[in-house]
Amino acid sequence: MNAEIIAVGSEMLTPFRQDTNSLYMTEKLNGLGVSVAFKTIVGDKRTHLVSVIRHALGRADIVLISGGLGPTEDDLTREAVAEALGRKLIRDADLIAHLYTRAAARRVSLTRNNEKQADTVEGAVILENARGTAPGQWLDIVVGKYRKLVMMLPGPPAELKPMFDEQCLPLLQDALPKRAIATRVLKAAMIGESACDARIAPIYTQYPDVETTILAHLGDIQLNLSCTKPLQAQAKLRVDELAGRIEEELDDVLYSSQGETLEQIVLYYLGMHGSTLAVAESCTGGLIAARLTDIPGSSRSFAGGAVVYSNELKTKFAGADADLIARHGAVSAEVAAAMAEGIRRECGTDYGLAVTGVAGPGGGSDEKPVGLVYFAVSDKEATETLEKRFTGDRTRVRTLASQQALDLIRRRLM
C-alpha cells in the first residue's frame, strides 16, 4: 500500500515555514510497511484543496492531511474533504459542548467561530485532541472500487504527533495487511554522487524488491535501503545481502553501515584503540571540534585543541615555527604538518589533526586560490598531509574541509 501526505497552509509556501510533520509521519508509516509515494503542500484555497485531495484519492491508498482544522475562515480542510468525497458536513453537538466545557475549565472564553471545529465529515471517526482544540478525523471508506483511509490531523506538531501515535497508528495497524519493512542506511565520505552510483548501480539494480535511494550532501553520500516483505526476517535478509555487497564494493570509502555520522565513527575508532585526539583549526574555525563535541561522551577520546586563525597563534598554540610559516606561507602542507605535530605535542594526545586553507571569498591568489586547503594527521610514528581544492562559497569550503579532515583521521585510525 502507498500513501500521500498533504500539508495544508499558505505559510508553508513561503520561505519562512517548513513542513516537518510529513517527515515524522513518513517514518511511522514506513515502520508499518507503507511507502509514502507523494507529498503535496497546498495553500488555504478551497478549490485547490479539493483538487489536491481528489487527486490524492485517485493515486494513493492512504491520504493524510495535516493542518486547516482550526476555527478561522482560512481553515478549510473539513469542507474540502467533504466536497471531494461528495459527503455532508455535520456539526456535532457533543463536540461543541466539549469545546465549551474545556474552555470553561481553563477559564478561557470561546468565540462562536470555534464551533466550526465540531464540523465532521459524514461517516468520520473523531480523533480526540488532548493538546489543542481542533479534533482530528478518520475515514475508512470505499471510493469507486477501492478502499481508502483518510486522516485529517491538526497542523501544530505538538498536537499532530501524539494524535497520530496514540490514535492513528492503532487504527492503521488494524486496517492494514500485516507487512514488515527492513531498512539500512549506509554512508560514504568524499565521493561524488555520480561516481558512487556508477560503482553500485550494477549491484542494486539486481535487487528490484529493495528500494535504493541515494542522497548527496556536502562531502557525504547517504544510501537508504528499504524492503517490504510479509515477514521481518525476509525483508532484513534482502536488505542485509544488498548492503553487504555495497560495502564490499565501496570498501574504505564507506564509513558507516548503520547510519552513524562521520564524527561518531571517528570517536568509535579512537575509543576502540584507546587513543586520544586534539585538533588545530584555521579556516574551519572550530567546526571539527564542534562536530566531535556534539557527540555525548566525546571527552573520553577528544581532548580539545585550538582555533589558530592568526599566524601568531599557529606558532603559540600549535607549535608551527614562525620561520616555517614565513618560508612556505600559512596555507601549506608544511605548516599543516607542523600544526598537527604541535597540537599533539601541546595537548599530550596520541593523534593531532590540523587544517589550514583559504575559505574565501577573499584572500586567494594565483598560487593559492580560494578553496585551497591543506590537512595533516600526526601520531608518534608519522605525519601525513593532504591537499584539496574545493569550489563554492565560504560556507561550502569550510563544511567540506571539516568533512575531509574527519575522513582523514578516520582512514588513519582504520
Protein backbone atom coordinates (compact mmCIF):
# COMPACT_ATOMS: atom_id res chain seq x y z
CA MET A 1 0.00 0.00 0.00
CA ASN A 2 1.13 3.56 -0.63
CA ALA A 3 0.32 6.87 0.97
CA GLU A 4 0.13 10.55 0.15
CA ILE A 5 0.71 13.28 2.71
CA ILE A 6 -0.91 16.67 2.12
CA ALA A 7 0.37 19.62 4.17
CA VAL A 8 -2.17 22.45 4.24
CA GLY A 9 -1.19 26.05 4.85
CA SER A 10 -0.27 29.03 2.71
CA GLU A 11 2.52 29.86 5.17
CA MET A 12 4.38 26.74 4.04
CA LEU A 13 4.54 28.13 0.51
CA THR A 14 6.69 30.99 1.80
CA PRO A 15 10.42 30.90 2.70
CA PHE A 16 9.64 31.18 6.41
CA ARG A 17 7.93 27.88 7.33
CA GLN A 18 8.71 24.23 6.61
CA ASP A 19 6.58 21.10 6.67
CA THR A 20 8.16 18.84 9.30
CA ASN A 21 5.04 16.78 10.05
CA SER A 22 5.42 14.77 6.86
CA LEU A 23 8.91 13.61 7.88
CA TYR A 24 7.56 12.34 11.18
CA MET A 25 4.59 10.55 9.63
CA THR A 26 6.73 9.04 6.87
CA GLU A 27 8.98 7.37 9.42
CA LYS A 28 5.99 5.96 11.27
CA LEU A 29 4.30 4.75 8.07
CA ASN A 30 7.50 3.09 6.87
CA GLY A 31 7.54 1.18 10.14
CA LEU A 32 4.18 -0.31 9.14
CA GLY A 33 5.44 -1.29 5.71
CA VAL A 34 3.70 1.65 3.99
CA SER A 35 5.63 3.64 1.40
CA VAL A 36 4.94 7.35 1.02
CA ALA A 37 4.66 7.84 -2.72
CA PHE A 38 3.64 11.51 -2.81
CA LYS A 39 3.88 14.65 -0.69
CA THR A 40 1.95 17.81 -1.52
CA ILE A 41 1.92 21.29 0.00
CA VAL A 42 -1.18 23.34 -0.77
CA GLY A 43 -2.31 26.80 0.28
CA ASP A 44 -5.52 27.78 2.05
CA LYS A 45 -7.73 27.98 -1.03
CA ARG A 46 -10.75 25.69 -1.14
CA THR A 47 -10.71 24.91 -4.87
CA HIS A 48 -7.02 24.00 -4.68
CA LEU A 49 -7.59 21.85 -1.61
CA VAL A 50 -10.45 19.94 -3.21
CA SER A 51 -8.41 19.35 -6.37
CA VAL A 52 -5.39 18.07 -4.44
CA ILE A 53 -7.50 15.76 -2.25
CA ARG A 54 -9.33 14.28 -5.25
CA HIS A 55 -6.02 13.72 -7.00
CA ALA A 56 -4.60 12.02 -3.90
CA LEU A 57 -7.63 9.73 -3.57
CA GLY A 58 -7.08 8.66 -7.17
CA ARG A 59 -3.49 7.55 -6.70
CA ALA A 60 -2.93 6.63 -3.02
CA ASP A 61 -4.44 4.07 -0.66
CA ILE A 62 -3.88 6.24 2.40
CA VAL A 63 -4.28 10.03 2.46
CA LEU A 64 -3.03 12.02 5.44
CA ILE A 65 -3.90 15.73 5.64
CA SER A 66 -2.24 17.97 8.21
CA GLY A 67 -3.44 21.48 9.00
CA GLY A 68 -6.51 23.54 8.18
CA LEU A 69 -8.63 22.27 11.10
CA GLY A 70 -8.69 25.47 13.17
CA PRO A 71 -11.53 27.95 13.76
CA THR A 72 -10.66 30.67 11.22
CA GLU A 73 -12.09 31.36 7.78
CA ASP A 74 -9.00 30.01 6.03
CA ASP A 75 -9.18 26.65 7.86
CA LEU A 76 -10.90 24.69 5.12
CA THR A 77 -9.71 21.07 5.32
CA ARG A 78 -13.02 19.68 6.63
CA GLU A 79 -15.02 21.47 3.94
CA ALA A 80 -12.62 20.40 1.20
CA VAL A 81 -12.63 16.73 2.21
CA ALA A 82 -16.43 16.69 2.37
CA GLU A 83 -16.66 18.26 -1.10
CA ALA A 84 -14.03 15.96 -2.59
CA LEU A 85 -15.89 12.90 -1.30
CA GLY A 86 -19.38 14.21 -2.00
CA ARG A 87 -20.34 13.81 1.65
CA LYS A 88 -22.22 16.02 4.09
CA LEU A 89 -20.54 18.13 6.75
CA ILE A 90 -22.35 17.66 10.07
CA ARG A 91 -21.91 19.90 13.13
CA ASP A 92 -21.53 17.61 16.15
CA ALA A 93 -23.38 18.96 19.21
CA ASP A 94 -21.36 16.81 21.62
CA LEU A 95 -18.14 18.22 20.22
CA ILE A 96 -19.41 21.77 20.65
CA ALA A 97 -20.28 21.03 24.25
CA HIS A 98 -16.84 19.54 24.79
CA LEU A 99 -15.14 22.63 23.36
CA TYR A 100 -17.04 24.96 25.71
CA THR A 101 -16.56 22.69 28.73
CA ARG A 102 -12.84 22.51 28.11
CA ALA A 103 -12.60 26.27 27.65
CA ALA A 104 -14.50 26.88 30.88
CA ALA A 105 -12.17 24.54 32.76
CA ARG A 106 -9.25 26.62 31.53
CA ARG A 107 -11.09 29.89 32.21
CA VAL A 108 -10.91 30.83 28.55
CA SER A 109 -13.83 32.34 26.61
CA LEU A 110 -14.53 30.93 23.15
CA THR A 111 -15.78 32.97 20.20
CA ARG A 112 -18.58 31.47 18.10
CA ASN A 113 -16.29 30.71 15.18
CA ASN A 114 -14.65 27.97 17.27
CA GLU A 115 -17.78 25.90 16.73
CA LYS A 116 -16.72 25.08 13.16
CA GLN A 117 -14.12 22.77 14.72
CA ALA A 118 -17.06 20.50 15.54
CA ASP A 119 -17.93 20.04 11.84
CA THR A 120 -17.40 16.38 10.93
CA VAL A 121 -17.38 14.69 7.55
CA GLU A 122 -20.23 12.20 7.25
CA GLY A 123 -19.03 8.76 8.42
CA ALA A 124 -15.86 10.03 10.10
CA VAL A 125 -14.50 8.79 13.42
CA ILE A 126 -13.44 11.65 15.69
CA LEU A 127 -9.81 11.72 16.87
CA GLU A 128 -9.59 13.48 20.23
CA ASN A 129 -7.08 16.30 20.60
CA ALA A 130 -5.84 16.42 24.19
CA ARG A 131 -3.26 19.11 23.36
CA GLY A 132 -5.45 21.53 21.39
CA THR A 133 -8.98 22.44 20.41
CA ALA A 134 -9.22 21.03 16.87
CA PRO A 135 -10.12 17.32 16.79
CA GLY A 136 -8.87 15.12 14.00
CA GLN A 137 -10.97 12.79 11.85
CA TRP A 138 -10.52 9.28 10.45
CA LEU A 139 -12.35 7.87 7.43
CA ASP A 140 -12.27 4.23 6.27
CA ILE A 141 -14.25 4.39 3.02
CA VAL A 142 -14.65 2.99 -0.47
CA VAL A 143 -14.01 5.34 -3.39
CA GLY A 144 -15.09 3.72 -6.64
CA LYS A 145 -13.99 0.11 -6.15
CA TYR A 146 -11.11 0.84 -3.83
CA ARG A 147 -10.74 1.08 -0.08
CA LYS A 148 -9.24 4.38 1.10
CA LEU A 149 -8.06 5.51 4.52
CA VAL A 150 -8.24 9.27 5.09
CA MET A 151 -6.88 11.09 8.10
CA MET A 152 -7.35 14.77 8.96
CA LEU A 153 -4.84 15.93 11.56
CA PRO A 154 -4.05 19.27 13.21
CA GLY A 155 -1.09 21.24 11.90
CA PRO A 156 0.89 22.02 15.10
CA PRO A 157 3.42 19.20 15.59
CA ALA A 158 2.77 19.15 19.34
CA GLU A 159 -0.84 18.19 18.57
CA LEU A 160 -0.31 16.05 15.49
CA LYS A 161 2.37 13.72 16.83
CA PRO A 162 0.53 12.41 19.92
CA MET A 163 -2.74 12.14 17.97
CA PHE A 164 -1.00 10.15 15.24
CA ASP A 165 0.85 7.89 17.68
CA GLU A 166 -1.98 7.28 20.12
CA GLN A 167 -4.95 7.01 17.74
CA CYS A 168 -3.97 6.74 14.08
CA LEU A 169 -1.26 4.11 14.45
CA PRO A 170 -3.50 1.58 16.25
CA LEU A 171 -6.24 2.15 13.64
CA LEU A 172 -3.73 1.67 10.84
CA GLN A 173 -2.33 -1.50 12.39
CA ASP A 174 -5.83 -2.97 12.49
CA ALA A 175 -6.69 -1.84 8.96
CA LEU A 176 -3.53 -2.76 7.08
CA PRO A 177 -2.42 -6.20 5.93
CA LYS A 178 0.46 -7.42 8.03
CA ARG A 179 3.71 -6.39 6.31
CA ALA A 180 7.21 -5.85 7.61
CA ILE A 181 9.79 -3.36 6.45
CA ALA A 182 13.56 -3.53 6.90
CA THR A 183 15.86 -0.58 6.34
CA ARG A 184 19.58 0.16 6.34
CA VAL A 185 21.46 3.43 5.96
CA LEU A 186 24.98 3.32 4.50
CA LYS A 187 27.21 6.40 4.33
CA ALA A 188 30.29 7.23 2.27
CA ALA A 189 32.59 10.24 2.56
CA MET A 190 34.25 12.45 -0.04
CA ILE A 191 32.94 10.70 -3.13
CA GLY A 192 30.66 12.28 -5.73
CA GLU A 193 27.09 11.11 -6.25
CA SER A 194 27.64 10.07 -9.88
CA ALA A 195 30.92 8.29 -9.08
CA CYS A 196 29.23 6.41 -6.23
CA ASP A 197 26.24 5.43 -8.36
CA ALA A 198 28.49 4.24 -11.22
CA ARG A 199 30.08 1.77 -8.83
CA ILE A 200 26.99 0.46 -7.05
CA ALA A 201 24.21 0.67 -9.69
CA PRO A 202 25.24 -2.68 -11.25
CA ILE A 203 24.68 -4.17 -7.79
CA TYR A 204 21.48 -2.58 -6.50
CA THR A 205 19.66 -2.95 -9.84
CA GLN A 206 19.84 -6.71 -9.23
CA TYR A 207 17.55 -6.20 -6.21
CA PRO A 208 14.27 -4.77 -7.61
CA ASP A 209 12.49 -5.64 -4.36
CA VAL A 210 14.82 -3.35 -2.39
CA GLU A 211 14.26 0.37 -2.84
CA THR A 212 17.64 2.13 -3.04
CA THR A 213 17.79 5.90 -2.65
CA ILE A 214 20.95 7.98 -2.96
CA LEU A 215 21.06 11.28 -1.06
CA ALA A 216 24.00 13.59 -1.65
CA HIS A 217 25.21 16.12 0.93
CA LEU A 218 28.40 18.16 1.09
CA GLY A 219 31.19 15.57 1.13
CA ASP A 220 28.76 12.86 2.12
CA ILE A 221 26.66 10.23 0.35
CA GLN A 222 23.78 8.50 2.14
CA LEU A 223 22.36 5.27 0.74
CA ASN A 224 18.90 4.34 2.05
CA LEU A 225 17.90 0.72 1.53
CA SER A 226 14.33 -0.39 2.19
CA CYS A 227 12.49 -3.66 1.60
CA THR A 228 8.94 -4.74 2.45
CA LYS A 229 8.02 -8.41 2.84
CA PRO A 230 5.35 -10.42 4.67
CA LEU A 231 7.91 -11.34 7.34
CA GLN A 232 10.56 -9.17 9.01
CA ALA A 233 13.23 -11.85 8.57
CA GLN A 234 12.64 -11.97 4.82
CA ALA A 235 12.91 -8.20 4.44
CA LYS A 236 16.02 -8.00 6.62
CA LEU A 237 17.73 -10.80 4.71
CA ARG A 238 17.36 -8.98 1.39
CA VAL A 239 18.46 -5.60 2.76
CA ASP A 240 21.47 -7.08 4.55
CA GLU A 241 22.50 -9.03 1.46
CA LEU A 242 22.48 -5.91 -0.70
CA ALA A 243 24.19 -3.84 1.99
CA GLY A 244 26.97 -6.40 2.25
CA ARG A 245 27.66 -6.27 -1.49
CA ILE A 246 27.70 -2.47 -1.48
CA GLU A 247 30.07 -2.43 1.48
CA GLU A 248 32.43 -4.76 -0.37
CA GLU A 249 32.38 -2.56 -3.49
CA LEU A 250 32.85 0.80 -1.77
CA ASP A 251 35.40 -0.59 0.71
CA ASP A 252 37.12 2.16 2.71
CA VAL A 253 35.07 4.94 1.06
CA LEU A 254 32.14 3.67 3.11
CA TYR A 255 32.39 4.79 6.71
CA SER A 256 29.04 3.72 8.17
CA SER A 257 26.75 0.74 7.63
CA GLN A 258 24.16 1.54 10.31
CA GLY A 259 23.55 5.26 9.77
CA GLU A 260 26.21 6.64 12.13
CA THR A 261 27.70 10.08 11.47
CA LEU A 262 31.33 10.50 10.47
CA GLU A 263 32.18 12.08 13.83
CA GLN A 264 30.58 9.14 15.64
CA ILE A 265 32.74 6.73 13.65
CA VAL A 266 35.92 8.71 14.38
CA LEU A 267 35.16 8.63 18.10
CA TYR A 268 34.30 4.93 17.86
CA TYR A 269 37.71 4.10 16.37
CA LEU A 270 39.51 6.30 18.89
CA GLY A 271 37.70 4.54 21.72
CA MET A 272 38.36 1.11 20.24
CA HIS A 273 42.11 1.86 20.11
CA GLY A 274 42.12 3.63 23.46
CA SER A 275 43.55 6.71 21.72
CA THR A 276 43.07 10.46 22.10
CA LEU A 277 42.86 13.30 19.58
CA ALA A 278 43.49 17.04 19.52
CA VAL A 279 42.79 19.42 16.62
CA ALA A 280 44.32 22.66 15.36
CA GLU A 281 41.90 24.53 13.09
CA SER A 282 42.47 27.59 10.98
CA CYS A 283 39.98 28.03 8.12
CA THR A 284 37.35 25.72 9.67
CA GLY A 285 37.20 27.95 12.75
CA GLY A 286 36.23 25.23 15.22
CA LEU A 287 33.79 23.24 13.05
CA ILE A 288 35.69 19.98 13.56
CA ALA A 289 35.75 20.36 17.33
CA ALA A 290 32.06 21.33 17.33
CA ARG A 291 31.09 18.22 15.38
CA LEU A 292 33.08 15.95 17.69
CA THR A 293 31.77 17.54 20.89
CA ASP A 294 28.17 17.26 19.65
CA ILE A 295 28.52 13.54 20.44
CA PRO A 296 27.81 12.64 24.10
CA GLY A 297 30.84 11.07 25.78
CA SER A 298 33.31 12.53 23.28
CA SER A 299 35.54 13.75 26.13
CA ARG A 300 36.79 10.18 26.61
CA SER A 301 38.70 10.43 23.33
CA PHE A 302 38.67 14.06 22.22
CA ALA A 303 40.96 16.21 24.37
CA GLY A 304 40.30 19.51 22.63
CA GLY A 305 42.55 21.79 20.63
CA ALA A 306 42.75 25.34 19.35
CA VAL A 307 41.37 27.65 16.69
CA VAL A 308 44.60 29.17 15.37
CA TYR A 309 43.42 31.73 12.84
CA SER A 310 46.37 34.11 13.07
CA ASN A 311 49.95 33.17 12.29
CA GLU A 312 50.95 34.15 15.81
CA LEU A 313 48.54 31.61 17.34
CA LYS A 314 49.65 28.94 14.88
CA THR A 315 53.05 29.34 16.47
CA LYS A 316 51.95 29.88 20.09
CA PHE A 317 49.29 27.19 20.41
CA ALA A 318 50.01 24.75 17.55
CA GLY A 319 53.79 24.86 17.51
CA ALA A 320 54.22 25.89 13.86
CA ASP A 321 57.58 27.69 13.70
CA ALA A 322 57.33 31.32 12.58
CA ASP A 323 60.22 30.86 10.12
CA LEU A 324 58.41 27.87 8.60
CA ILE A 325 55.28 29.97 8.11
CA ALA A 326 57.35 32.78 6.57
CA ARG A 327 59.03 30.38 4.11
CA HIS A 328 56.00 28.37 2.99
CA GLY A 329 53.02 30.51 3.93
CA ALA A 330 50.30 29.72 6.46
CA VAL A 331 48.39 27.77 3.80
CA SER A 332 50.84 24.98 3.01
CA ALA A 333 51.44 21.29 3.59
CA GLU A 334 54.48 22.10 5.71
CA VAL A 335 52.53 24.33 8.11
CA ALA A 336 49.62 21.87 8.30
CA ALA A 337 52.10 19.13 9.28
CA ALA A 338 53.73 21.35 11.89
CA MET A 339 50.32 22.25 13.34
CA ALA A 340 49.26 18.59 13.62
CA GLU A 341 52.52 17.65 15.30
CA GLY A 342 52.46 20.70 17.55
CA ILE A 343 48.87 20.33 18.77
CA ARG A 344 49.50 16.64 19.50
CA ARG A 345 52.57 17.57 21.49
CA GLU A 346 50.97 20.50 23.33
CA CYS A 347 47.83 18.53 24.28
CA GLY A 348 49.63 15.26 25.03
CA THR A 349 47.37 13.20 22.76
CA ASP A 350 48.02 10.19 20.58
CA TYR A 351 46.85 11.97 17.40
CA GLY A 352 46.94 15.52 16.13
CA LEU A 353 44.72 16.76 13.31
CA ALA A 354 45.21 20.10 11.55
CA VAL A 355 43.59 22.11 8.77
CA THR A 356 44.66 25.38 7.15
CA GLY A 357 43.31 26.93 3.95
CA VAL A 358 41.70 29.80 2.06
CA ALA A 359 37.94 29.72 2.70
CA GLY A 360 37.23 32.92 0.75
CA PRO A 361 35.67 34.90 -0.67
CA GLY A 362 38.85 37.00 -0.43
CA GLY A 363 42.43 36.15 0.47
CA GLY A 364 43.21 33.95 -2.51
CA SER A 365 45.94 34.31 -5.11
CA ASP A 366 47.01 32.64 -8.34
CA GLU A 367 49.38 30.42 -6.36
CA LYS A 368 46.96 29.78 -3.51
CA PRO A 369 43.38 30.26 -4.74
CA VAL A 370 40.19 30.33 -2.72
CA GLY A 371 39.24 26.75 -1.84
CA LEU A 372 42.81 25.50 -1.41
CA VAL A 373 43.01 23.59 1.89
CA TYR A 374 45.79 21.52 3.48
CA PHE A 375 45.21 18.80 6.04
CA ALA A 376 47.55 16.85 8.27
CA VAL A 377 47.23 13.99 10.75
CA SER A 378 50.06 13.05 13.05
CA ASP A 379 50.91 10.33 15.56
CA LYS A 380 54.21 9.29 17.11
CA GLU A 381 55.09 7.22 14.04
CA ALA A 382 54.44 9.58 11.12
CA THR A 383 52.70 12.70 9.81
CA GLU A 384 50.54 12.55 6.68
CA THR A 385 49.40 15.57 4.68
CA LEU A 386 46.69 16.05 2.08
CA GLU A 387 45.95 18.87 -0.38
CA LYS A 388 42.42 19.57 -1.61
CA ARG A 389 40.82 22.26 -3.75
CA PHE A 390 37.15 22.91 -3.09
CA THR A 391 34.77 25.09 -5.08
CA GLY A 392 31.92 27.21 -3.83
CA ASP A 393 31.30 29.88 -1.22
CA ARG A 394 32.88 30.22 2.20
CA THR A 395 30.33 28.02 3.98
CA ARG A 396 30.71 25.26 1.43
CA VAL A 397 34.52 25.29 1.59
CA ARG A 398 34.53 25.20 5.40
CA THR A 399 31.94 22.41 5.55
CA LEU A 400 33.82 20.28 3.03
CA ALA A 401 37.07 20.93 4.86
CA SER A 402 35.65 19.71 8.17
CA GLN A 403 34.30 16.59 6.45
CA GLN A 404 37.62 15.89 4.74
CA ALA A 405 39.55 16.36 7.98
CA LEU A 406 37.35 13.88 9.84
CA ASP A 407 37.61 11.39 6.99
CA LEU A 408 41.40 11.72 7.01
CA ILE A 409 41.66 10.80 10.69
CA ARG A 410 39.10 8.02 10.19
CA ARG A 411 41.24 6.44 7.49
CA ARG A 412 44.34 6.77 9.63
CA LEU A 413 42.60 5.07 12.55
CA MET A 414 41.40 2.24 10.33
